[in-house]
Amino acid sequence: MHSQAKRERRPDVLPEDYDPLRREDWNFDLLPNEELIACRFWEYARESRTIKMAADVHWCHVRHIWHRQAYADSPHRKREDDEEAQRIERRASAAPFNYDEFFEKF
């Protein structure tokens, strides 16, 4: 997820891991009514830059748990993720947004 951000992006070339939204990712017509509220949250979160940044900050805090074995197997990957986490945290601290307050209210 985060290594893709490091690659140079060219508008005329799709990345090899490009995965456009499938119809079931956005068409909720066949779902029961009691699931529509969750779908609205999904759509809002998918489009929200704030929630995306909050998810990235969360990754910075828990990646050592999620990737414990991968980091043990590949110190190079850990170094790359350390650098990515530093970039994310710099971006988050530069944003005029209080993520602690957001998490408390969320």
N, C-alpha and C. Protein backbone atom coordinates (compact mmCIF):
# COMPACT_ATOMS: atom_id res chain seq x y z
N MET A 1 0.82 -1.18 0.00
CA MET A 1 0.00 0.00 0.00
C MET A 1 0.87 1.24 0.00
N HIS A 2 1.79 1.33 0.91
CA HIS A 2 2.57 2.55 1.04
C HIS A 2 3.72 2.61 0.05
N SER A 3 4.22 1.48 -0.42
CA SER A 3 5.32 1.51 -1.38
C SER A 3 4.85 2.07 -2.71
N GLN A 4 3.56 1.96 -3.02
CA GLN A 4 3.03 2.50 -4.26
C GLN A 4 3.19 4.02 -4.29
N ALA A 5 3.06 4.68 -3.15
CA ALA A 5 3.16 6.13 -3.09
C ALA A 5 4.56 6.59 -3.46
N LYS A 6 5.56 5.74 -3.27
CA LYS A 6 6.93 6.13 -3.55
C LYS A 6 7.26 6.07 -5.03
N ARG A 7 6.51 5.29 -5.80
CA ARG A 7 6.79 5.17 -7.22
C ARG A 7 6.40 6.43 -7.96
N GLU A 8 7.14 6.74 -8.99
CA GLU A 8 6.78 7.87 -9.85
C GLU A 8 5.49 7.52 -10.57
N ARG A 9 4.57 8.46 -10.62
CA ARG A 9 3.29 8.20 -11.25
C ARG A 9 3.24 8.88 -12.62
N ARG A 10 2.84 8.13 -13.61
CA ARG A 10 2.65 8.68 -14.94
C ARG A 10 1.20 8.46 -15.30
N PRO A 11 0.49 9.50 -15.72
CA PRO A 11 -0.95 9.35 -16.00
C PRO A 11 -1.25 8.40 -17.14
N ASP A 12 -0.29 8.18 -18.03
CA ASP A 12 -0.56 7.31 -19.18
C ASP A 12 -0.24 5.84 -18.92
N VAL A 13 0.30 5.51 -17.73
CA VAL A 13 0.68 4.14 -17.42
C VAL A 13 0.03 3.73 -16.10
N LEU A 14 -0.73 2.64 -16.14
CA LEU A 14 -1.35 2.13 -14.92
C LEU A 14 -0.34 1.28 -14.17
N PRO A 15 -0.28 1.40 -12.83
CA PRO A 15 0.63 0.54 -12.07
C PRO A 15 0.20 -0.91 -12.19
N GLU A 16 1.17 -1.82 -11.99
CA GLU A 16 0.85 -3.24 -12.15
C GLU A 16 -0.15 -3.73 -11.11
N ASP A 17 -0.28 -3.04 -9.98
CA ASP A 17 -1.24 -3.46 -8.96
C ASP A 17 -2.53 -2.64 -9.01
N TYR A 18 -2.78 -1.97 -10.15
CA TYR A 18 -3.98 -1.17 -10.32
C TYR A 18 -5.21 -2.07 -10.24
N ASP A 19 -6.14 -1.69 -9.42
CA ASP A 19 -7.36 -2.47 -9.23
C ASP A 19 -8.54 -1.52 -9.23
N PRO A 20 -9.16 -1.30 -10.39
CA PRO A 20 -10.30 -0.38 -10.41
C PRO A 20 -11.44 -0.93 -9.57
N LEU A 21 -12.30 -0.05 -9.13
CA LEU A 21 -13.44 -0.49 -8.34
C LEU A 21 -14.32 -1.43 -9.16
N ARG A 22 -14.69 -2.49 -8.52
CA ARG A 22 -15.64 -3.41 -9.14
C ARG A 22 -17.05 -2.90 -8.86
N ARG A 23 -17.99 -3.33 -9.64
CA ARG A 23 -19.38 -2.88 -9.49
C ARG A 23 -19.88 -3.10 -8.06
N GLU A 24 -19.54 -4.24 -7.46
CA GLU A 24 -20.02 -4.52 -6.09
C GLU A 24 -19.38 -3.61 -5.04
N ASP A 25 -18.33 -2.88 -5.42
CA ASP A 25 -17.71 -1.93 -4.49
C ASP A 25 -18.51 -0.63 -4.37
N TRP A 26 -19.37 -0.35 -5.34
CA TRP A 26 -20.11 0.91 -5.30
C TRP A 26 -21.61 0.75 -5.54
N ASN A 27 -22.06 -0.36 -6.06
CA ASN A 27 -23.48 -0.55 -6.34
C ASN A 27 -24.10 -1.36 -5.20
N PHE A 28 -24.90 -0.68 -4.40
CA PHE A 28 -25.48 -1.31 -3.22
C PHE A 28 -26.97 -1.64 -3.41
N ASP A 29 -27.43 -1.66 -4.65
CA ASP A 29 -28.85 -1.88 -4.94
C ASP A 29 -29.38 -3.20 -4.40
N LEU A 30 -28.57 -4.25 -4.40
CA LEU A 30 -29.06 -5.57 -4.02
C LEU A 30 -28.92 -5.87 -2.53
N LEU A 31 -28.37 -4.94 -1.78
CA LEU A 31 -28.17 -5.18 -0.34
C LEU A 31 -29.45 -4.92 0.43
N PRO A 32 -29.64 -5.62 1.53
CA PRO A 32 -30.80 -5.35 2.39
C PRO A 32 -30.68 -3.96 3.01
N ASN A 33 -31.81 -3.35 3.29
CA ASN A 33 -31.83 -1.99 3.84
C ASN A 33 -31.01 -1.83 5.10
N GLU A 34 -30.98 -2.87 5.95
CA GLU A 34 -30.25 -2.74 7.22
C GLU A 34 -28.73 -2.64 7.02
N GLU A 35 -28.24 -2.91 5.81
CA GLU A 35 -26.81 -2.79 5.54
C GLU A 35 -26.44 -1.48 4.84
N LEU A 36 -27.42 -0.68 4.48
CA LEU A 36 -27.14 0.54 3.72
C LEU A 36 -26.39 1.60 4.53
N ILE A 37 -26.64 1.66 5.82
CA ILE A 37 -25.91 2.64 6.64
C ILE A 37 -24.43 2.33 6.62
N ALA A 38 -24.06 1.07 6.76
CA ALA A 38 -22.65 0.69 6.69
C ALA A 38 -22.06 1.05 5.32
N CYS A 39 -22.86 0.89 4.27
CA CYS A 39 -22.39 1.23 2.92
C CYS A 39 -22.14 2.72 2.80
N ARG A 40 -22.97 3.53 3.42
CA ARG A 40 -22.75 4.98 3.38
C ARG A 40 -21.46 5.36 4.10
N PHE A 41 -21.22 4.72 5.24
CA PHE A 41 -19.94 4.96 5.93
C PHE A 41 -18.77 4.55 5.06
N TRP A 42 -18.90 3.40 4.39
CA TRP A 42 -17.84 2.92 3.48
C TRP A 42 -17.55 3.96 2.40
N GLU A 43 -18.59 4.46 1.76
CA GLU A 43 -18.41 5.43 0.68
C GLU A 43 -17.78 6.72 1.21
N TYR A 44 -18.26 7.18 2.34
CA TYR A 44 -17.70 8.40 2.92
C TYR A 44 -16.22 8.20 3.26
N ALA A 45 -15.90 7.11 3.90
CA ALA A 45 -14.51 6.84 4.30
C ALA A 45 -13.61 6.66 3.09
N ARG A 46 -14.13 6.04 2.05
CA ARG A 46 -13.33 5.80 0.84
C ARG A 46 -12.94 7.11 0.18
N GLU A 47 -13.77 8.13 0.29
CA GLU A 47 -13.53 9.41 -0.37
C GLU A 47 -12.88 10.45 0.55
N SER A 48 -12.82 10.20 1.83
CA SER A 48 -12.36 11.20 2.80
C SER A 48 -10.84 11.22 2.91
N ARG A 49 -10.23 12.35 2.59
CA ARG A 49 -8.78 12.50 2.76
C ARG A 49 -8.42 12.44 4.24
N THR A 50 -9.28 12.95 5.10
CA THR A 50 -9.02 12.95 6.53
C THR A 50 -8.97 11.53 7.07
N ILE A 51 -9.95 10.72 6.69
CA ILE A 51 -9.97 9.34 7.17
C ILE A 51 -8.80 8.56 6.57
N LYS A 52 -8.45 8.84 5.33
CA LYS A 52 -7.28 8.19 4.72
C LYS A 52 -6.03 8.53 5.51
N MET A 53 -5.85 9.78 5.86
CA MET A 53 -4.67 10.18 6.64
C MET A 53 -4.72 9.53 8.02
N ALA A 54 -5.88 9.49 8.65
CA ALA A 54 -6.00 8.86 9.96
C ALA A 54 -5.64 7.37 9.87
N ALA A 55 -6.06 6.71 8.79
CA ALA A 55 -5.70 5.30 8.61
C ALA A 55 -4.19 5.14 8.42
N ASP A 56 -3.58 6.06 7.69
CA ASP A 56 -2.12 6.01 7.50
C ASP A 56 -1.39 6.20 8.83
N VAL A 57 -1.86 7.15 9.64
CA VAL A 57 -1.24 7.37 10.95
C VAL A 57 -1.42 6.13 11.82
N HIS A 58 -2.58 5.53 11.76
CA HIS A 58 -2.82 4.30 12.52
C HIS A 58 -1.84 3.21 12.08
N TRP A 59 -1.63 3.08 10.77
CA TRP A 59 -0.65 2.11 10.25
C TRP A 59 0.72 2.36 10.86
N CYS A 60 1.10 3.62 10.97
CA CYS A 60 2.41 3.95 11.56
C CYS A 60 2.53 3.39 12.97
N HIS A 61 1.43 3.40 13.71
CA HIS A 61 1.45 2.98 15.10
C HIS A 61 1.36 1.47 15.28
N VAL A 62 0.76 0.77 14.34
CA VAL A 62 0.53 -0.67 14.53
C VAL A 62 1.31 -1.56 13.55
N ARG A 63 2.05 -0.97 12.65
CA ARG A 63 2.73 -1.76 11.62
C ARG A 63 3.71 -2.74 12.22
N HIS A 64 4.31 -2.41 13.38
CA HIS A 64 5.27 -3.33 14.01
C HIS A 64 4.58 -4.62 14.47
N ILE A 65 3.30 -4.52 14.76
CA ILE A 65 2.53 -5.70 15.14
C ILE A 65 2.13 -6.48 13.89
N TRP A 66 1.54 -5.78 12.92
CA TRP A 66 1.06 -6.42 11.70
C TRP A 66 2.18 -7.11 10.94
N HIS A 67 3.34 -6.46 10.88
CA HIS A 67 4.44 -6.94 10.02
C HIS A 67 5.61 -7.50 10.83
N ARG A 68 5.34 -7.94 12.04
CA ARG A 68 6.41 -8.44 12.92
C ARG A 68 7.30 -9.47 12.21
N GLN A 69 6.69 -10.47 11.64
CA GLN A 69 7.47 -11.53 10.99
C GLN A 69 8.18 -11.01 9.74
N ALA A 70 7.49 -10.22 8.95
CA ALA A 70 8.11 -9.68 7.73
C ALA A 70 9.31 -8.81 8.08
N TYR A 71 9.21 -8.04 9.14
CA TYR A 71 10.34 -7.20 9.55
C TYR A 71 11.50 -8.05 10.06
N ALA A 72 11.19 -9.13 10.74
CA ALA A 72 12.24 -10.03 11.22
C ALA A 72 12.94 -10.70 10.03
N ASP A 73 12.16 -11.03 9.01
CA ASP A 73 12.72 -11.69 7.82
C ASP A 73 13.44 -10.72 6.89
N SER A 74 13.02 -9.45 6.92
CA SER A 74 13.57 -8.49 5.95
C SER A 74 13.81 -7.13 6.61
N PRO A 75 14.99 -6.92 7.15
CA PRO A 75 15.31 -5.61 7.73
C PRO A 75 15.19 -4.48 6.70
N HIS A 76 15.41 -4.81 5.42
CA HIS A 76 15.29 -3.80 4.36
C HIS A 76 13.85 -3.28 4.29
N ARG A 77 12.88 -4.18 4.39
CA ARG A 77 11.48 -3.76 4.36
C ARG A 77 11.16 -2.88 5.56
N LYS A 78 11.67 -3.23 6.73
CA LYS A 78 11.43 -2.42 7.92
C LYS A 78 12.00 -1.02 7.72
N ARG A 79 13.21 -0.92 7.17
CA ARG A 79 13.81 0.40 6.93
C ARG A 79 12.95 1.22 5.97
N GLU A 80 12.46 0.59 4.90
CA GLU A 80 11.59 1.30 3.95
C GLU A 80 10.31 1.77 4.64
N ASP A 81 9.70 0.90 5.44
CA ASP A 81 8.48 1.28 6.15
C ASP A 81 8.76 2.35 7.20
N ASP A 82 9.92 2.32 7.84
CA ASP A 82 10.29 3.38 8.79
C ASP A 82 10.33 4.72 8.08
N GLU A 83 10.92 4.74 6.88
CA GLU A 83 10.99 5.99 6.11
C GLU A 83 9.60 6.46 5.70
N GLU A 84 8.76 5.52 5.26
CA GLU A 84 7.39 5.87 4.88
C GLU A 84 6.60 6.39 6.08
N ALA A 85 6.77 5.76 7.23
CA ALA A 85 6.08 6.22 8.44
C ALA A 85 6.52 7.63 8.81
N GLN A 86 7.79 7.93 8.66
CA GLN A 86 8.27 9.29 8.95
C GLN A 86 7.62 10.30 8.01
N ARG A 87 7.50 9.96 6.72
CA ARG A 87 6.84 10.86 5.76
C ARG A 87 5.37 11.07 6.14
N ILE A 88 4.70 9.98 6.48
CA ILE A 88 3.28 10.09 6.86
C ILE A 88 3.12 10.97 8.10
N GLU A 89 3.94 10.73 9.10
CA GLU A 89 3.81 11.50 10.34
C GLU A 89 4.16 12.97 10.13
N ARG A 90 5.13 13.26 9.25
CA ARG A 90 5.42 14.67 8.94
C ARG A 90 4.23 15.32 8.25
N ARG A 91 3.62 14.61 7.30
CA ARG A 91 2.44 15.14 6.60
C ARG A 91 1.30 15.36 7.58
N ALA A 92 1.08 14.42 8.47
CA ALA A 92 -0.02 14.53 9.44
C ALA A 92 0.21 15.68 10.40
N SER A 93 1.46 15.87 10.85
CA SER A 93 1.72 16.96 11.79
C SER A 93 1.66 18.32 11.11
N ALA A 94 1.89 18.36 9.79
CA ALA A 94 1.82 19.62 9.06
C ALA A 94 0.37 20.01 8.74
N ALA A 95 -0.53 19.04 8.76
CA ALA A 95 -1.93 19.31 8.44
C ALA A 95 -2.60 20.02 9.61
N PRO A 96 -3.44 20.99 9.31
CA PRO A 96 -4.14 21.69 10.40
C PRO A 96 -5.33 20.87 10.89
N PHE A 97 -5.02 19.70 11.46
CA PHE A 97 -6.07 18.78 11.89
C PHE A 97 -5.60 18.08 13.14
N ASN A 98 -6.47 17.97 14.13
CA ASN A 98 -6.13 17.32 15.39
C ASN A 98 -6.59 15.86 15.34
N TYR A 99 -5.66 14.96 15.02
CA TYR A 99 -6.01 13.54 14.88
C TYR A 99 -6.38 12.91 16.21
N ASP A 100 -5.78 13.36 17.31
CA ASP A 100 -6.16 12.81 18.62
C ASP A 100 -7.61 13.13 18.91
N GLU A 101 -8.02 14.35 18.66
CA GLU A 101 -9.42 14.75 18.89
C GLU A 101 -10.35 13.98 17.95
N PHE A 102 -9.93 13.80 16.72
CA PHE A 102 -10.72 13.05 15.76
C PHE A 102 -10.96 11.62 16.27
N PHE A 103 -9.88 10.95 16.74
CA PHE A 103 -10.01 9.58 17.22
C PHE A 103 -10.90 9.51 18.45
N GLU A 104 -10.80 10.49 19.34
CA GLU A 104 -11.64 10.50 20.54
C GLU A 104 -13.11 10.61 20.17
N LYS A 105 -13.44 11.49 19.22
CA LYS A 105 -14.84 11.68 18.83
C LYS A 105 -15.33 10.55 17.95
N PHE A 106 -14.44 9.99 17.13
CA PHE A 106 -14.83 8.92 16.22
C PHE A 106 -15.13 7.67 17.01
